[in-house]
Amino acid sequence: MTLMVTQLVSGVWHGLYPGYIMFFAGSAIFFAHSTVIYNWERMYVPSWIANSFPWWAIKVFLTKQHLDFLAMAFLWLTWKECVAAWASVHYLPLVYMSAVLVLGKVFPARPAKTGKDAAKVTADGATGSKAPGGRRGDGSDAAAADNSNAGPVSGDVAYLGEGIKSALVDGASSRQDLQDGLKLE
């Protein structure tokens, strides 16, 4: 709810055009949908698939399609033009994102436990504590569930290039080196 309010304020800030409000309201739905997808991915998709190039390419393609759909409203500011543009694709991205949000409420993905909660016994009797070799007692990868040393960038690192990922997570480079390499200011 706070995300929607924030995005609606951003829409009003840009101007009192229906297109801005539709874009920013749609982006709030997009962000919430992305959170559900991310949690499902962490819970159900094996890491060898989640870290593969084809999986990444599919996510980039879908993200681009959703943002292009929403951007039509940002570009065509009137209600009539925005609705006509969205109707031309049968509101498909908006229907998809809304369906994911509803399914996210019906089938919520529980985030991985970390810290003291990781050692508690799960419903099937396995413990979340690490076994020798870095594996958890239930046979899953402990590193996937323990992101306590991931730093301030946490799950977002998965979408960065491997070189930047290692620099951020392992501290192999200074912040200034990263800014210089990415031309960030």
Protein backbone atom coordinates (compact mmCIF):
# COMPACT_ATOMS: atom_id res chain seq x y z
CA MET A 1 0.00 0.00 0.00
CA THR A 2 2.81 2.44 0.84
CA LEU A 3 4.46 1.63 -2.49
CA MET A 4 1.26 2.50 -4.36
CA VAL A 5 0.90 5.77 -2.44
CA THR A 6 4.53 6.66 -3.14
CA GLN A 7 4.14 5.92 -6.83
CA LEU A 8 0.89 7.88 -7.07
CA VAL A 9 2.58 10.88 -5.43
CA SER A 10 5.35 10.52 -8.04
CA GLY A 11 2.71 10.52 -10.76
CA VAL A 12 1.13 13.70 -9.42
CA TRP A 13 4.59 15.25 -9.04
CA HIS A 14 5.22 14.74 -12.78
CA GLY A 15 1.92 16.42 -13.62
CA LEU A 16 -1.82 15.91 -13.38
CA TYR A 17 -2.03 13.89 -16.57
CA PRO A 18 -3.80 10.51 -16.46
CA GLY A 19 -0.84 8.91 -18.26
CA TYR A 20 1.59 9.74 -15.48
CA ILE A 21 -0.75 8.41 -12.83
CA MET A 22 -1.42 5.23 -14.84
CA PHE A 23 2.31 4.70 -15.39
CA PHE A 24 3.27 5.12 -11.75
CA ALA A 25 0.31 3.07 -10.45
CA GLY A 26 1.27 0.37 -12.94
CA SER A 27 4.88 0.52 -11.82
CA ALA A 28 3.78 -0.11 -8.23
CA ILE A 29 1.97 -3.23 -9.43
CA PHE A 30 5.09 -4.16 -11.42
CA PHE A 31 7.36 -3.78 -8.36
CA ALA A 32 5.04 -5.85 -6.18
CA HIS A 33 4.76 -8.51 -8.91
CA SER A 34 8.57 -8.61 -9.20
CA THR A 35 8.88 -9.21 -5.46
CA VAL A 36 6.52 -12.20 -5.67
CA ILE A 37 8.43 -13.62 -8.64
CA TYR A 38 11.77 -13.10 -6.87
CA ASN A 39 10.55 -14.91 -3.74
CA TRP A 40 9.13 -17.80 -5.79
CA GLU A 41 12.40 -18.02 -7.69
CA ARG A 42 14.43 -18.23 -4.48
CA MET A 43 12.10 -20.87 -3.05
CA TYR A 44 11.34 -23.12 -6.02
CA VAL A 45 13.89 -22.64 -8.81
CA PRO A 46 17.15 -24.59 -8.46
CA SER A 47 20.21 -22.35 -8.39
CA TRP A 48 21.69 -23.91 -11.53
CA ILE A 49 18.61 -22.72 -13.44
CA ALA A 50 18.25 -19.38 -11.64
CA ASN A 51 21.90 -18.53 -12.39
CA SER A 52 21.77 -19.60 -16.04
CA PHE A 53 21.94 -17.21 -18.97
CA PRO A 54 18.65 -18.39 -20.58
CA TRP A 55 16.76 -17.79 -17.31
CA TRP A 56 18.31 -14.33 -17.02
CA ALA A 57 17.47 -13.56 -20.66
CA ILE A 58 13.83 -14.55 -20.16
CA LYS A 59 13.57 -12.29 -17.10
CA VAL A 60 15.16 -9.37 -18.95
CA PHE A 61 12.81 -9.86 -21.90
CA LEU A 62 9.70 -9.99 -19.69
CA THR A 63 10.86 -6.97 -17.69
CA LYS A 64 11.38 -5.02 -20.90
CA GLN A 65 7.93 -5.99 -22.19
CA HIS A 66 6.24 -4.94 -18.96
CA LEU A 67 8.08 -1.62 -18.81
CA ASP A 68 7.36 -0.92 -22.48
CA PHE A 69 3.67 -1.57 -21.80
CA LEU A 70 3.65 0.81 -18.84
CA ALA A 71 5.72 3.41 -20.69
CA MET A 72 2.99 3.82 -23.30
CA ALA A 73 0.96 5.63 -20.64
CA PHE A 74 3.93 7.83 -19.74
CA LEU A 75 4.35 8.87 -23.36
CA TRP A 76 0.69 9.30 -24.30
CA LEU A 77 -0.63 11.36 -21.49
CA THR A 78 -4.35 11.43 -22.16
CA TRP A 79 -6.72 8.85 -20.76
CA LYS A 80 -8.13 7.97 -24.18
CA GLU A 81 -4.72 7.38 -25.78
CA CYS A 82 -3.41 5.39 -22.79
CA VAL A 83 -6.42 3.10 -22.63
CA ALA A 84 -6.34 2.62 -26.41
CA ALA A 85 -2.64 1.72 -26.28
CA TRP A 86 -3.09 -0.73 -23.41
CA ALA A 87 -6.22 -2.20 -25.03
CA SER A 88 -4.27 -2.81 -28.24
CA VAL A 89 -2.40 -5.56 -26.40
CA HIS A 90 -5.48 -6.64 -24.44
CA TYR A 91 -3.97 -5.37 -21.17
CA LEU A 92 -1.98 -8.63 -21.14
CA PRO A 93 1.00 -7.44 -19.05
CA LEU A 94 -1.32 -5.85 -16.50
CA VAL A 95 -3.47 -9.00 -16.33
CA TYR A 96 -0.34 -11.15 -15.93
CA MET A 97 1.09 -8.96 -13.14
CA SER A 98 -2.26 -8.89 -11.33
CA ALA A 99 -2.60 -12.68 -11.63
CA VAL A 100 0.89 -13.13 -10.14
CA LEU A 101 -0.08 -10.88 -7.21
CA VAL A 102 -3.25 -12.90 -6.57
CA LEU A 103 -1.34 -16.19 -6.83
CA GLY A 104 1.30 -14.72 -4.51
CA LYS A 105 -1.40 -14.32 -1.86
CA VAL A 106 -2.76 -17.83 -2.44
CA PHE A 107 0.69 -19.51 -2.65
CA PRO A 108 3.06 -17.31 -0.67
CA ALA A 109 6.77 -18.06 -0.82
CA ARG A 110 8.37 -17.97 2.57
CA PRO A 111 11.73 -16.19 2.53
CA ALA A 112 14.77 -18.25 3.47
CA LYS A 113 15.50 -18.23 7.19
CA THR A 114 18.72 -16.72 8.44
CA GLY A 115 20.39 -16.25 11.78
CA LYS A 116 18.83 -17.90 14.85
CA ASP A 117 15.75 -19.01 12.89
CA ALA A 118 17.90 -21.13 10.54
CA ALA A 119 18.74 -23.60 13.30
CA LYS A 120 15.10 -24.33 14.16
CA VAL A 121 13.60 -27.64 13.14
CA THR A 122 11.41 -27.44 10.03
CA ALA A 123 8.06 -29.18 9.55
CA ASP A 124 9.68 -32.27 8.00
CA GLY A 125 12.11 -32.64 10.93
CA ALA A 126 15.22 -31.33 9.19
CA THR A 127 17.26 -28.63 10.83
CA GLY A 128 18.44 -25.47 9.20
CA SER A 129 21.89 -25.79 10.77
CA LYS A 130 24.90 -26.29 8.57
CA ALA A 131 26.34 -29.75 8.17
CA PRO A 132 29.98 -30.41 7.27
CA GLY A 133 30.84 -29.24 3.78
CA GLY A 134 28.65 -26.13 3.91
CA ARG A 135 25.41 -28.04 3.40
CA ARG A 136 22.37 -27.73 5.60
CA GLY A 137 20.99 -30.74 7.43
CA ASP A 138 18.11 -30.99 4.95
CA GLY A 139 20.48 -31.32 1.98
CA SER A 140 19.83 -27.88 0.50
CA ASP A 141 22.58 -25.39 -0.09
CA ALA A 142 23.21 -23.38 3.09
CA ALA A 143 24.81 -20.54 1.16
CA ALA A 144 21.55 -19.92 -0.70
CA ALA A 145 19.67 -19.50 2.57
CA ASP A 146 22.39 -17.63 4.47
CA ASN A 147 22.83 -14.20 3.00
CA SER A 148 24.07 -12.62 6.21
CA ASN A 149 27.41 -11.73 4.59
CA ALA A 150 25.90 -10.55 1.31
CA GLY A 151 26.28 -6.91 2.29
CA PRO A 152 23.93 -4.05 1.55
CA VAL A 153 23.09 -5.21 -1.97
CA SER A 154 21.66 -8.64 -0.98
CA GLY A 155 19.51 -10.27 -3.69
CA ASP A 156 19.99 -7.50 -6.24
CA VAL A 157 23.53 -8.76 -6.88
CA ALA A 158 22.06 -11.69 -8.82
CA TYR A 159 21.13 -9.34 -11.67
CA LEU A 160 24.56 -7.76 -12.04
CA GLY A 161 27.40 -9.07 -14.16
CA GLU A 162 29.65 -11.69 -12.63
CA GLY A 163 32.64 -9.33 -12.36
CA ILE A 164 30.65 -6.67 -10.56
CA LYS A 165 28.97 -9.32 -8.42
CA SER A 166 32.27 -10.66 -7.15
CA ALA A 167 33.56 -7.14 -6.54
CA LEU A 168 30.51 -6.19 -4.50
CA VAL A 169 30.17 -9.40 -2.51
CA ASP A 170 33.83 -10.24 -1.99
CA GLY A 171 35.01 -6.65 -1.59
CA ALA A 172 37.57 -7.18 -4.37
CA SER A 173 37.24 -3.58 -5.47
CA SER A 174 36.68 -0.25 -3.80
CA ARG A 175 33.50 1.76 -4.25
CA GLN A 176 35.48 4.31 -6.27
CA ASP A 177 36.72 1.59 -8.66
CA LEU A 178 33.13 0.45 -9.17
CA GLN A 179 31.97 4.01 -9.79
CA ASP A 180 34.79 4.56 -12.25
CA GLY A 181 33.99 1.29 -14.04
CA LEU A 182 30.24 1.96 -14.16
CA LYS A 183 30.56 5.74 -14.58
CA LEU A 184 28.30 6.27 -11.58
CA GLU A 185 28.13 9.57 -9.76
